[in-house]
Amino acid sequence: MKSIREEINLFFSAHEDFLTKSYPGLSAERLLKSFLENYPQLSADVCFSWGLSSFFEKLKNRVPLAYIFGKAFFFADEFLCNQETLIPRFDTEILVEESLKIIASENIQTVLDIGTGTGCVGLSLLTNSQKPLCLVATDLSAQALAVAQKNANLLKYRLHPAAQLSFLQMDRLRKWDYTRKLDLIVSNPPYIPQSEFDSLVQKEVHDYEPHMA
């Protein structure tokens, strides 16, 4: 029986062309690191086959790594994610950075996060703001809100003691109580027309990420 390192190196060598096209920036070492992060009880040189075949099959089907492992890094934290939520992406961190500048310079108290998904944007504002915020996170999907609530629970130790957080299932602002004061709205809404979705998005996005988002 081969070690985990050997198994992954052999798999990567056999499918390198496909893997580097499907997962830009991927290397055998990064693949090994990602796998071991999810099995902290194992080391690279131990002989282990359970789970590897399923892992390799998902890679061959271009399942995003974030969905394979059920988590993704965003801003300063790790967020749970699944196929009910979009995968947090590096470029969306700009939204958090710019929002934090506004929060720091203005009298911002209540923030509305529309289409929260994993909660990565709103929760990153809560955990990185120097002042307490009241965040209302909304999403049309109850399943996405469930993921966001789990992430909030995992990050609660990093929240300002006076921070407030609530979740609402709603479509954009259609059920919003307009007597409720808002200081800032953040959102990373869908921006690809449905008519162009099939031709514009990557296969892994088309096949695995929620089209509603």
N, C-alpha and C. Protein backbone atom coordinates (compact mmCIF):
# COMPACT_ATOMS: atom_id res chain seq x y z
N MET A 1 0.84 -1.20 0.00
CA MET A 1 0.00 0.00 0.00
C MET A 1 0.87 1.25 0.00
N LYS A 2 0.49 2.24 -0.77
CA LYS A 2 1.27 3.47 -0.89
C LYS A 2 0.84 4.48 0.17
N SER A 3 1.74 5.43 0.44
CA SER A 3 1.41 6.50 1.39
C SER A 3 0.47 7.50 0.72
N ILE A 4 -0.12 8.35 1.53
CA ILE A 4 -1.01 9.40 1.00
C ILE A 4 -0.24 10.28 0.03
N ARG A 5 0.98 10.66 0.39
CA ARG A 5 1.79 11.49 -0.49
C ARG A 5 2.00 10.81 -1.85
N GLU A 6 2.34 9.53 -1.81
CA GLU A 6 2.59 8.80 -3.07
C GLU A 6 1.32 8.69 -3.91
N GLU A 7 0.20 8.38 -3.26
CA GLU A 7 -1.07 8.24 -3.98
C GLU A 7 -1.45 9.56 -4.67
N ILE A 8 -1.32 10.66 -3.95
CA ILE A 8 -1.69 11.96 -4.52
C ILE A 8 -0.71 12.37 -5.61
N ASN A 9 0.56 12.12 -5.41
CA ASN A 9 1.54 12.44 -6.45
C ASN A 9 1.29 11.65 -7.73
N LEU A 10 0.96 10.37 -7.58
CA LEU A 10 0.66 9.53 -8.75
C LEU A 10 -0.59 10.02 -9.47
N PHE A 11 -1.63 10.34 -8.71
CA PHE A 11 -2.87 10.82 -9.30
C PHE A 11 -2.64 12.15 -10.02
N PHE A 12 -1.90 13.05 -9.37
CA PHE A 12 -1.66 14.36 -9.97
C PHE A 12 -0.84 14.22 -11.25
N SER A 13 0.17 13.38 -11.22
CA SER A 13 1.00 13.17 -12.42
C SER A 13 0.19 12.61 -13.58
N ALA A 14 -0.72 11.69 -13.28
CA ALA A 14 -1.54 11.05 -14.32
C ALA A 14 -2.57 12.00 -14.92
N HIS A 15 -2.99 13.02 -14.14
CA HIS A 15 -4.06 13.92 -14.59
C HIS A 15 -3.64 15.39 -14.53
N GLU A 16 -2.34 15.64 -14.57
CA GLU A 16 -1.83 17.00 -14.35
C GLU A 16 -2.42 18.03 -15.31
N ASP A 17 -2.46 17.69 -16.59
CA ASP A 17 -2.95 18.64 -17.58
C ASP A 17 -4.39 19.04 -17.27
N PHE A 18 -5.23 18.04 -17.02
CA PHE A 18 -6.64 18.28 -16.73
C PHE A 18 -6.80 19.06 -15.42
N LEU A 19 -6.06 18.65 -14.38
CA LEU A 19 -6.21 19.26 -13.06
C LEU A 19 -5.78 20.72 -13.05
N THR A 20 -4.68 21.05 -13.72
CA THR A 20 -4.21 22.44 -13.70
C THR A 20 -5.12 23.36 -14.53
N LYS A 21 -5.82 22.79 -15.50
CA LYS A 21 -6.79 23.58 -16.27
C LYS A 21 -8.09 23.75 -15.47
N SER A 22 -8.49 22.70 -14.79
CA SER A 22 -9.74 22.73 -14.02
C SER A 22 -9.59 23.48 -12.70
N TYR A 23 -8.40 23.41 -12.11
CA TYR A 23 -8.13 24.05 -10.82
C TYR A 23 -6.87 24.90 -10.95
N PRO A 24 -7.00 26.11 -11.49
CA PRO A 24 -5.82 26.96 -11.69
C PRO A 24 -5.00 27.13 -10.42
N GLY A 25 -3.69 26.97 -10.57
CA GLY A 25 -2.80 27.12 -9.42
C GLY A 25 -2.61 25.87 -8.59
N LEU A 26 -3.32 24.80 -8.95
CA LEU A 26 -3.24 23.57 -8.18
C LEU A 26 -1.92 22.86 -8.44
N SER A 27 -1.36 22.29 -7.39
CA SER A 27 -0.16 21.47 -7.49
C SER A 27 -0.36 20.23 -6.63
N ALA A 28 0.51 19.25 -6.80
CA ALA A 28 0.40 18.03 -5.99
C ALA A 28 0.57 18.36 -4.51
N GLU A 29 1.46 19.30 -4.21
CA GLU A 29 1.71 19.67 -2.82
C GLU A 29 0.49 20.37 -2.21
N ARG A 30 -0.13 21.25 -2.99
CA ARG A 30 -1.32 21.95 -2.49
C ARG A 30 -2.47 20.96 -2.29
N LEU A 31 -2.58 20.00 -3.19
CA LEU A 31 -3.62 18.98 -3.08
C LEU A 31 -3.41 18.15 -1.83
N LEU A 32 -2.17 17.78 -1.58
CA LEU A 32 -1.82 17.01 -0.38
C LEU A 32 -2.14 17.81 0.88
N LYS A 33 -1.77 19.09 0.88
CA LYS A 33 -2.03 19.95 2.04
C LYS A 33 -3.53 20.07 2.30
N SER A 34 -4.30 20.27 1.23
CA SER A 34 -5.75 20.41 1.37
C SER A 34 -6.37 19.14 1.95
N PHE A 35 -5.92 18.00 1.48
CA PHE A 35 -6.45 16.73 1.96
C PHE A 35 -6.12 16.53 3.44
N LEU A 36 -4.87 16.79 3.81
CA LEU A 36 -4.44 16.55 5.19
C LEU A 36 -5.08 17.52 6.17
N GLU A 37 -5.42 18.72 5.70
CA GLU A 37 -6.11 19.68 6.59
C GLU A 37 -7.45 19.13 7.05
N ASN A 38 -8.03 18.24 6.25
CA ASN A 38 -9.32 17.67 6.61
C ASN A 38 -9.19 16.34 7.35
N TYR A 39 -7.97 15.84 7.43
CA TYR A 39 -7.69 14.62 8.19
C TYR A 39 -6.48 14.90 9.08
N PRO A 40 -6.63 15.79 10.08
CA PRO A 40 -5.48 16.21 10.89
C PRO A 40 -4.83 15.07 11.67
N GLN A 41 -5.52 13.96 11.79
CA GLN A 41 -4.96 12.83 12.52
C GLN A 41 -3.96 12.04 11.66
N LEU A 42 -3.90 12.37 10.37
CA LEU A 42 -3.02 11.65 9.45
C LEU A 42 -1.78 12.46 9.11
N SER A 43 -0.76 11.78 8.63
CA SER A 43 0.43 12.46 8.10
C SER A 43 0.64 12.02 6.65
N ALA A 44 1.42 12.79 5.92
CA ALA A 44 1.59 12.57 4.49
C ALA A 44 2.18 11.20 4.16
N ASP A 45 2.97 10.66 5.08
CA ASP A 45 3.70 9.43 4.76
C ASP A 45 3.06 8.16 5.35
N VAL A 46 1.86 8.32 5.92
CA VAL A 46 1.16 7.15 6.42
C VAL A 46 0.43 6.46 5.26
N CYS A 47 0.32 5.16 5.33
CA CYS A 47 -0.41 4.41 4.30
C CYS A 47 -1.90 4.51 4.60
N PHE A 48 -2.64 5.00 3.61
CA PHE A 48 -4.06 5.28 3.85
C PHE A 48 -4.76 5.31 2.51
N SER A 49 -5.82 4.54 2.37
CA SER A 49 -6.53 4.52 1.09
C SER A 49 -7.98 4.96 1.23
N TRP A 50 -8.55 4.85 2.45
CA TRP A 50 -9.96 5.19 2.65
C TRP A 50 -10.19 6.65 2.31
N GLY A 51 -11.15 6.93 1.49
CA GLY A 51 -11.49 8.31 1.15
C GLY A 51 -10.76 8.86 -0.05
N LEU A 52 -9.62 8.28 -0.40
CA LEU A 52 -8.85 8.82 -1.52
C LEU A 52 -9.53 8.59 -2.86
N SER A 53 -10.10 7.42 -3.07
CA SER A 53 -10.74 7.14 -4.36
C SER A 53 -11.92 8.07 -4.60
N SER A 54 -12.72 8.31 -3.55
CA SER A 54 -13.84 9.23 -3.66
C SER A 54 -13.34 10.66 -3.92
N PHE A 55 -12.29 11.04 -3.24
CA PHE A 55 -11.66 12.35 -3.42
C PHE A 55 -11.19 12.52 -4.87
N PHE A 56 -10.51 11.52 -5.40
CA PHE A 56 -10.00 11.59 -6.77
C PHE A 56 -11.14 11.65 -7.79
N GLU A 57 -12.20 10.90 -7.52
CA GLU A 57 -13.35 10.88 -8.45
C GLU A 57 -14.00 12.27 -8.52
N LYS A 58 -14.13 12.92 -7.38
CA LYS A 58 -14.71 14.27 -7.36
C LYS A 58 -13.83 15.25 -8.12
N LEU A 59 -12.53 15.11 -7.98
CA LEU A 59 -11.62 15.97 -8.72
C LEU A 59 -11.76 15.75 -10.23
N LYS A 60 -11.89 14.51 -10.63
CA LYS A 60 -12.05 14.22 -12.07
C LYS A 60 -13.36 14.79 -12.60
N ASN A 61 -14.36 14.94 -11.73
CA ASN A 61 -15.64 15.52 -12.13
C ASN A 61 -15.67 17.04 -11.95
N ARG A 62 -14.52 17.62 -11.60
CA ARG A 62 -14.35 19.07 -11.46
C ARG A 62 -15.23 19.67 -10.36
N VAL A 63 -15.47 18.89 -9.32
CA VAL A 63 -16.18 19.44 -8.17
C VAL A 63 -15.23 20.44 -7.49
N PRO A 64 -15.67 21.67 -7.23
CA PRO A 64 -14.80 22.65 -6.59
C PRO A 64 -14.24 22.15 -5.26
N LEU A 65 -12.99 22.47 -4.99
CA LEU A 65 -12.35 22.02 -3.75
C LEU A 65 -13.13 22.47 -2.52
N ALA A 66 -13.70 23.66 -2.59
CA ALA A 66 -14.46 24.17 -1.44
C ALA A 66 -15.66 23.29 -1.14
N TYR A 67 -16.27 22.70 -2.17
CA TYR A 67 -17.40 21.81 -1.95
C TYR A 67 -16.94 20.42 -1.52
N ILE A 68 -15.80 20.00 -2.03
CA ILE A 68 -15.28 18.69 -1.61
C ILE A 68 -14.99 18.70 -0.11
N PHE A 69 -14.38 19.78 0.36
CA PHE A 69 -13.98 19.85 1.77
C PHE A 69 -14.99 20.58 2.65
N GLY A 70 -15.96 21.26 2.00
CA GLY A 70 -17.01 21.92 2.76
C GLY A 70 -16.60 23.21 3.44
N LYS A 71 -15.54 23.84 2.93
CA LYS A 71 -15.11 25.11 3.55
C LYS A 71 -14.24 25.89 2.58
N ALA A 72 -14.16 27.19 2.82
CA ALA A 72 -13.34 28.06 1.99
C ALA A 72 -12.82 29.21 2.86
N PHE A 73 -11.63 29.70 2.51
CA PHE A 73 -11.07 30.83 3.24
C PHE A 73 -11.54 32.13 2.60
N PHE A 74 -11.84 33.12 3.44
CA PHE A 74 -12.28 34.42 2.95
C PHE A 74 -11.86 35.48 3.95
N PHE A 75 -11.21 36.51 3.47
CA PHE A 75 -10.72 37.61 4.29
C PHE A 75 -9.80 37.07 5.38
N ALA A 76 -10.25 36.95 6.60
CA ALA A 76 -9.35 36.48 7.66
C ALA A 76 -9.82 35.18 8.29
N ASP A 77 -10.87 34.57 7.70
CA ASP A 77 -11.48 33.42 8.37
C ASP A 77 -11.81 32.29 7.39
N GLU A 78 -12.16 31.16 7.98
CA GLU A 78 -12.61 30.00 7.22
C GLU A 78 -14.13 29.92 7.34
N PHE A 79 -14.79 29.69 6.21
CA PHE A 79 -16.26 29.63 6.20
C PHE A 79 -16.73 28.28 5.67
N LEU A 80 -17.71 27.72 6.36
CA LEU A 80 -18.36 26.53 5.85
C LEU A 80 -19.12 26.89 4.58
N CYS A 81 -19.16 25.99 3.63
CA CYS A 81 -19.96 26.22 2.43
C CYS A 81 -20.40 24.87 1.86
N ASN A 82 -21.48 24.90 1.11
CA ASN A 82 -21.94 23.70 0.41
C ASN A 82 -22.64 24.15 -0.87
N GLN A 83 -23.28 23.23 -1.56
CA GLN A 83 -23.85 23.56 -2.86
C GLN A 83 -25.14 24.39 -2.77
N GLU A 84 -25.52 24.78 -1.55
CA GLU A 84 -26.62 25.72 -1.37
C GLU A 84 -26.11 27.16 -1.35
N THR A 85 -24.78 27.32 -1.31
CA THR A 85 -24.18 28.65 -1.23
C THR A 85 -23.12 28.81 -2.31
N LEU A 86 -22.92 30.05 -2.74
CA LEU A 86 -21.78 30.33 -3.60
C LEU A 86 -20.50 30.17 -2.79
N ILE A 87 -19.42 29.84 -3.47
CA ILE A 87 -18.12 29.74 -2.80
C ILE A 87 -17.58 31.15 -2.59
N PRO A 88 -17.19 31.51 -1.36
CA PRO A 88 -16.56 32.82 -1.14
C PRO A 88 -15.33 32.99 -2.03
N ARG A 89 -15.21 34.16 -2.66
CA ARG A 89 -14.12 34.39 -3.60
C ARG A 89 -13.27 35.58 -3.18
N PHE A 90 -12.01 35.49 -3.56
CA PHE A 90 -11.03 36.51 -3.18
C PHE A 90 -11.45 37.90 -3.64
N ASP A 91 -12.00 38.03 -4.87
CA ASP A 91 -12.33 39.37 -5.36
C ASP A 91 -13.44 40.05 -4.55
N THR A 92 -14.27 39.26 -3.88
CA THR A 92 -15.33 39.85 -3.06
C THR A 92 -14.77 40.49 -1.80
N GLU A 93 -13.52 40.16 -1.45
CA GLU A 93 -12.91 40.78 -0.28
C GLU A 93 -12.80 42.29 -0.43
N ILE A 94 -12.76 42.78 -1.68
CA ILE A 94 -12.71 44.23 -1.91
C ILE A 94 -13.96 44.90 -1.32
N LEU A 95 -15.10 44.23 -1.44
CA LEU A 95 -16.35 44.76 -0.88
C LEU A 95 -16.22 44.93 0.64
N VAL A 96 -15.60 43.96 1.29
CA VAL A 96 -15.40 44.03 2.74
C VAL A 96 -14.43 45.16 3.07
N GLU A 97 -13.32 45.23 2.35
CA GLU A 97 -12.31 46.26 2.62
C GLU A 97 -12.89 47.67 2.50
N GLU A 98 -13.63 47.92 1.41
CA GLU A 98 -14.20 49.25 1.20
C GLU A 98 -15.29 49.56 2.22
N SER A 99 -16.07 48.54 2.59
CA SER A 99 -17.13 48.74 3.58
C SER A 99 -16.53 49.07 4.94
N LEU A 100 -15.44 48.41 5.29
CA LEU A 100 -14.78 48.68 6.58
C LEU A 100 -14.25 50.11 6.64
N LYS A 101 -13.78 50.62 5.51
CA LYS A 101 -13.33 52.02 5.47
C LYS A 101 -14.48 52.97 5.75
N ILE A 102 -15.64 52.69 5.14
CA ILE A 102 -16.82 53.52 5.35
C ILE A 102 -17.27 53.44 6.80
N ILE A 103 -17.29 52.22 7.35
CA ILE A 103 -17.71 52.02 8.74
C ILE A 103 -16.79 52.77 9.71
N ALA A 104 -15.50 52.76 9.41
CA ALA A 104 -14.53 53.41 10.29
C ALA A 104 -14.65 54.94 10.25
N SER A 105 -15.07 55.49 9.10
CA SER A 105 -15.07 56.94 8.94
C SER A 105 -16.45 57.59 9.11
N GLU A 106 -17.50 56.79 9.08
CA GLU A 106 -18.86 57.33 9.18
C GLU A 106 -19.56 56.79 10.42
N ASN A 107 -20.70 57.37 10.72
CA ASN A 107 -21.49 56.89 11.86
C ASN A 107 -22.38 55.73 11.40
N ILE A 108 -21.76 54.58 11.23
CA ILE A 108 -22.46 53.39 10.75
C ILE A 108 -22.79 52.49 11.93
N GLN A 109 -24.06 52.18 12.08
CA GLN A 109 -24.47 51.30 13.17
C GLN A 109 -25.18 50.04 12.67
N THR A 110 -26.12 50.22 11.74
CA THR A 110 -26.90 49.08 11.23
C THR A 110 -26.53 48.79 9.78
N VAL A 111 -26.18 47.54 9.52
CA VAL A 111 -25.76 47.11 8.18
C VAL A 111 -26.69 46.00 7.71
N LEU A 112 -27.13 46.11 6.47
CA LEU A 112 -27.95 45.07 5.84
C LEU A 112 -27.12 44.35 4.80
N ASP A 113 -27.00 43.04 4.93
CA ASP A 113 -26.26 42.20 3.98
C ASP A 113 -27.29 41.42 3.16
N ILE A 114 -27.48 41.83 1.90
CA ILE A 114 -28.49 41.20 1.04
C ILE A 114 -27.86 40.05 0.26
N GLY A 115 -28.49 38.88 0.32
CA GLY A 115 -27.95 37.70 -0.36
C GLY A 115 -26.70 37.21 0.34
N THR A 116 -26.82 36.98 1.64
CA THR A 116 -25.65 36.71 2.47
C THR A 116 -24.92 35.41 2.13
N GLY A 117 -25.64 34.39 1.62
CA GLY A 117 -24.99 33.12 1.28
C GLY A 117 -24.34 32.50 2.50
N THR A 118 -23.02 32.33 2.46
CA THR A 118 -22.29 31.77 3.60
C THR A 118 -22.21 32.75 4.76
N GLY A 119 -22.54 34.01 4.48
CA GLY A 119 -22.39 35.05 5.50
C GLY A 119 -21.02 35.69 5.48
N CYS A 120 -20.20 35.34 4.49
CA CYS A 120 -18.79 35.75 4.50
C CYS A 120 -18.61 37.27 4.52
N VAL A 121 -19.43 38.00 3.77
CA VAL A 121 -19.27 39.46 3.73
C VAL A 121 -19.71 40.09 5.05
N GLY A 122 -20.95 39.85 5.43
CA GLY A 122 -21.47 40.45 6.65
C GLY A 122 -20.69 40.05 7.89
N LEU A 123 -20.39 38.77 8.01
CA LEU A 123 -19.66 38.30 9.20
C LEU A 123 -18.24 38.84 9.23
N SER A 124 -17.63 39.03 8.07
CA SER A 124 -16.29 39.62 8.02
C SER A 124 -16.32 41.07 8.48
N LEU A 125 -17.42 41.77 8.20
CA LEU A 125 -17.56 43.13 8.71
C LEU A 125 -17.69 43.12 10.23
N LEU A 126 -18.49 42.19 10.75
CA LEU A 126 -18.68 42.10 12.20
C LEU A 126 -17.38 41.77 12.93
N THR A 127 -16.61 40.85 12.36
CA THR A 127 -15.41 40.38 13.07
C THR A 127 -14.21 41.31 12.89
N ASN A 128 -14.27 42.20 11.90
CA ASN A 128 -13.12 43.07 11.64
C ASN A 128 -13.39 44.55 11.93
N SER A 129 -14.61 44.89 12.30
CA SER A 129 -14.92 46.27 12.64
C SER A 129 -14.47 46.57 14.08
N GLN A 130 -13.91 47.75 14.26
CA GLN A 130 -13.47 48.16 15.59
C GLN A 130 -14.63 48.66 16.44
N LYS A 131 -15.78 48.89 15.80
CA LYS A 131 -16.94 49.36 16.54
C LYS A 131 -18.06 48.33 16.46
N PRO A 132 -18.95 48.28 17.44
CA PRO A 132 -20.04 47.29 17.39
C PRO A 132 -21.04 47.63 16.29
N LEU A 133 -21.46 46.62 15.57
CA LEU A 133 -22.42 46.80 14.49
C LEU A 133 -23.66 45.96 14.75
N CYS A 134 -24.76 46.40 14.17
CA CYS A 134 -25.98 45.58 14.13
C CYS A 134 -26.11 45.10 12.70
N LEU A 135 -25.91 43.82 12.48
CA LEU A 135 -25.96 43.26 11.13
C LEU A 135 -27.24 42.46 10.93
N VAL A 136 -27.94 42.76 9.84
CA VAL A 136 -29.09 41.95 9.43
C VAL A 136 -28.69 41.25 8.13
N ALA A 137 -28.62 39.93 8.16
CA ALA A 137 -28.20 39.15 6.99
C ALA A 137 -29.42 38.48 6.37
N THR A 138 -29.65 38.70 5.09
CA THR A 138 -30.83 38.14 4.44
C THR A 138 -30.44 37.26 3.26
N ASP A 139 -31.31 36.32 2.96
CA ASP A 139 -31.14 35.48 1.78
C ASP A 139 -32.50 34.88 1.42
N LEU A 140 -32.68 34.64 0.14
CA LEU A 140 -33.91 34.01 -0.31
C LEU A 140 -33.93 32.53 0.06
N SER A 141 -32.74 31.95 0.17
CA SER A 141 -32.62 30.51 0.43
C SER A 141 -32.51 30.21 1.93
N ALA A 142 -33.43 29.40 2.42
CA ALA A 142 -33.39 28.98 3.82
C ALA A 142 -32.15 28.12 4.09
N GLN A 143 -31.76 27.33 3.09
CA GLN A 143 -30.59 26.46 3.24
C GLN A 143 -29.31 27.28 3.35
N ALA A 144 -29.23 28.36 2.56
CA ALA A 144 -28.06 29.23 2.64
C ALA A 144 -28.00 29.92 4.01
N LEU A 145 -29.16 30.36 4.51
CA LEU A 145 -29.19 31.00 5.82
C LEU A 145 -28.74 30.05 6.92
N ALA A 146 -29.07 28.78 6.76
CA ALA A 146 -28.64 27.78 7.76
C ALA A 146 -27.12 27.68 7.79
N VAL A 147 -26.48 27.76 6.63
CA VAL A 147 -25.02 27.73 6.56
C VAL A 147 -24.44 28.99 7.19
N ALA A 148 -25.04 30.14 6.87
CA ALA A 148 -24.57 31.41 7.44
C ALA A 148 -24.67 31.41 8.96
N GLN A 149 -25.75 30.82 9.48
CA GLN A 149 -25.93 30.75 10.93
C GLN A 149 -24.87 29.86 11.58
N LYS A 150 -24.51 28.78 10.90
CA LYS A 150 -23.43 27.92 11.42
C LYS A 150 -22.11 28.67 11.44
N ASN A 151 -21.85 29.45 10.38
CA ASN A 151 -20.61 30.22 10.35
C ASN A 151 -20.60 31.28 11.44
N ALA A 152 -21.75 31.90 11.68
CA ALA A 152 -21.85 32.89 12.75
C ALA A 152 -21.54 32.26 14.10
N ASN A 153 -22.02 31.06 14.31
CA ASN A 153 -21.76 30.36 15.57
C ASN A 153 -20.28 30.04 15.73
N LEU A 154 -19.62 29.68 14.62
CA LEU A 154 -18.19 29.37 14.68
C LEU A 154 -17.35 30.61 14.94
N LEU A 155 -17.85 31.77 14.52
CA LEU A 155 -17.07 33.01 14.63
C LEU A 155 -17.50 33.88 15.81
N LYS A 156 -18.44 33.42 16.60
CA LYS A 156 -19.01 34.28 17.65
C LYS A 156 -17.96 34.76 18.65
N TYR A 157 -16.91 33.99 18.84
CA TYR A 157 -15.87 34.39 19.79
C TYR A 157 -15.09 35.60 19.30
N ARG A 158 -15.22 35.93 18.00
CA ARG A 158 -14.48 37.06 17.43
C ARG A 158 -15.34 38.31 17.29
N LEU A 159 -16.60 38.23 17.65
CA LEU A 159 -17.48 39.39 17.52
C LEU A 159 -17.26 40.38 18.65
N HIS A 160 -17.49 41.65 18.34
CA HIS A 160 -17.48 42.67 19.39
C HIS A 160 -18.56 42.31 20.41
N PRO A 161 -18.29 42.47 21.70
CA PRO A 161 -19.28 42.09 22.73
C PRO A 161 -20.64 42.75 22.56
N ALA A 162 -20.66 43.93 21.95
CA ALA A 162 -21.93 44.65 21.78
C ALA A 162 -22.54 44.46 20.38
N ALA A 163 -21.92 43.63 19.56
CA ALA A 163 -22.44 43.40 18.20
C ALA A 163 -23.79 42.68 18.26
N GLN A 164 -24.63 42.97 17.27
CA GLN A 164 -25.93 42.30 17.15
C GLN A 164 -26.04 41.67 15.77
N LEU A 165 -26.66 40.51 15.71
CA LEU A 165 -26.76 39.78 14.45
C LEU A 165 -28.11 39.10 14.35
N SER A 166 -28.76 39.25 13.19
CA SER A 166 -30.02 38.55 12.95
C SER A 166 -30.06 38.10 11.49
N PHE A 167 -30.86 37.07 11.24
CA PHE A 167 -31.00 36.50 9.90
C PHE A 167 -32.46 36.55 9.48
N LEU A 168 -32.69 36.93 8.22
CA LEU A 168 -34.05 37.00 7.69
C LEU A 168 -34.10 36.33 6.33
N GLN A 169 -35.11 35.49 6.12
CA GLN A 169 -35.31 34.91 4.80
C GLN A 169 -36.20 35.85 3.99
N MET A 170 -35.62 36.48 2.99
CA MET A 170 -36.41 37.38 2.15
C MET A 170 -35.68 37.65 0.85
N ASP A 171 -36.43 38.06 -0.16
CA ASP A 171 -35.92 38.35 -1.49
C ASP A 171 -35.57 39.84 -1.58
N ARG A 172 -34.29 40.12 -1.52
CA ARG A 172 -33.81 41.49 -1.58
C ARG A 172 -34.49 42.37 -0.52
N LEU A 173 -35.21 43.43 -0.94
CA LEU A 173 -35.86 44.31 0.03
C LEU A 173 -37.38 44.21 -0.01
N ARG A 174 -37.90 43.13 -0.58
CA ARG A 174 -39.34 43.05 -0.82
C ARG A 174 -40.17 42.98 0.45
N LYS A 175 -39.60 42.47 1.53
CA LYS A 175 -40.36 42.39 2.78
C LYS A 175 -39.73 43.25 3.88
N TRP A 176 -38.89 44.19 3.47
CA TRP A 176 -38.19 44.98 4.47
C TRP A 176 -39.11 45.98 5.15
N ASP A 177 -38.94 46.14 6.43
CA ASP A 177 -39.69 47.13 7.21
C ASP A 177 -38.99 48.48 7.05
N TYR A 178 -39.55 49.34 6.22
CA TYR A 178 -38.88 50.59 5.90
C TYR A 178 -38.91 51.61 7.04
N THR A 179 -39.56 51.28 8.14
CA THR A 179 -39.46 52.15 9.31
C THR A 179 -38.17 51.86 10.07
N ARG A 180 -37.50 50.80 9.67
CA ARG A 180 -36.25 50.41 10.34
C ARG A 180 -35.08 51.13 9.68
N LYS A 181 -34.29 51.83 10.47
CA LYS A 181 -33.19 52.63 9.94
C LYS A 181 -32.02 51.76 9.50
N LEU A 182 -31.47 52.09 8.33
CA LEU A 182 -30.28 51.42 7.82
C LEU A 182 -29.19 52.45 7.56
N ASP A 183 -27.96 52.10 7.88
CA ASP A 183 -26.84 53.00 7.61
C ASP A 183 -26.01 52.55 6.42
N LEU A 184 -26.01 51.24 6.15
CA LEU A 184 -25.18 50.72 5.06
C LEU A 184 -25.80 49.43 4.54
N ILE A 185 -25.85 49.31 3.21
CA ILE A 185 -26.29 48.06 2.57
C ILE A 185 -25.11 47.49 1.80
N VAL A 186 -24.81 46.21 2.03
CA VAL A 186 -23.77 45.52 1.27
C VAL A 186 -24.40 44.33 0.55
N SER A 187 -23.89 44.05 -0.63
CA SER A 187 -24.43 42.92 -1.39
C SER A 187 -23.49 42.57 -2.53
N ASN A 188 -23.43 41.29 -2.82
CA ASN A 188 -22.74 40.81 -4.02
C ASN A 188 -23.78 40.01 -4.81
N PRO A 189 -24.70 40.72 -5.48
CA PRO A 189 -25.87 40.06 -6.09
C PRO A 189 -25.52 39.36 -7.39
N PRO A 190 -26.43 38.51 -7.90
CA PRO A 190 -26.22 37.89 -9.21
C PRO A 190 -26.07 38.98 -10.28
N TYR A 191 -25.09 38.81 -11.16
CA TYR A 191 -24.86 39.85 -12.17
C TYR A 191 -24.76 39.30 -13.60
N ILE A 192 -24.92 37.98 -13.75
CA ILE A 192 -24.90 37.39 -15.10
C ILE A 192 -26.33 37.13 -15.54
N PRO A 193 -26.76 37.71 -16.67
CA PRO A 193 -28.12 37.47 -17.16
C PRO A 193 -28.38 35.99 -17.36
N GLN A 194 -29.58 35.53 -17.00
CA GLN A 194 -29.93 34.12 -17.15
C GLN A 194 -29.75 33.64 -18.59
N SER A 195 -30.03 34.53 -19.53
CA SER A 195 -29.93 34.16 -20.95
C SER A 195 -28.49 33.90 -21.38
N GLU A 196 -27.53 34.43 -20.63
CA GLU A 196 -26.11 34.26 -20.99
C GLU A 196 -25.38 33.33 -20.03
N PHE A 197 -26.10 32.79 -19.06
CA PHE A 197 -25.47 32.00 -18.00
C PHE A 197 -24.70 30.81 -18.57
N ASP A 198 -25.34 30.04 -19.45
CA ASP A 198 -24.72 28.82 -19.98
C ASP A 198 -23.43 29.10 -20.73
N SER A 199 -23.36 30.21 -21.42
CA SER A 199 -22.20 30.49 -22.27
C SER A 199 -21.07 31.22 -21.53
N LEU A 200 -21.39 31.88 -20.41
CA LEU A 200 -20.39 32.71 -19.75
C LEU A 200 -19.70 32.05 -18.56
N VAL A 201 -20.38 31.18 -17.86
CA VAL A 201 -19.80 30.65 -16.62
C VAL A 201 -18.98 29.39 -16.87
N GLN A 202 -18.02 29.16 -15.99
CA GLN A 202 -17.19 27.96 -16.06
C GLN A 202 -18.03 26.72 -15.75
N LYS A 203 -17.56 25.59 -16.24
CA LYS A 203 -18.31 24.34 -16.07
C LYS A 203 -18.56 24.02 -14.60
N GLU A 204 -17.54 24.19 -13.76
CA GLU A 204 -17.71 23.84 -12.34
C GLU A 204 -18.70 24.76 -11.65
N VAL A 205 -18.76 26.03 -12.09
CA VAL A 205 -19.74 26.97 -11.54
C VAL A 205 -21.14 26.57 -12.02
N HIS A 206 -21.25 26.27 -13.32
CA HIS A 206 -22.53 25.89 -13.91
C HIS A 206 -23.08 24.61 -13.29
N ASP A 207 -22.21 23.64 -13.09
CA ASP A 207 -22.65 22.32 -12.65
C ASP A 207 -22.88 22.22 -11.14
N TYR A 208 -22.18 23.04 -10.35
CA TYR A 208 -22.21 22.80 -8.91
C TYR A 208 -22.69 23.98 -8.06
N GLU A 209 -22.51 25.21 -8.50
CA GLU A 209 -22.91 26.34 -7.65
C GLU A 209 -24.38 26.69 -7.91
N PRO A 210 -25.08 27.21 -6.89
CA PRO A 210 -26.52 27.47 -7.04
C PRO A 210 -26.81 28.58 -8.06
N HIS A 211 -27.64 28.29 -9.04
CA HIS A 211 -27.94 29.26 -10.09
C HIS A 211 -28.73 30.45 -9.54
N MET A 212 -29.51 30.24 -8.51
CA MET A 212 -30.30 31.31 -7.93
C MET A 212 -29.43 32.42 -7.38
N ALA A 213 -28.22 32.04 -6.93
CA ALA A 213 -27.31 33.01 -6.31
C ALA A 213 -26.50 33.77 -7.35
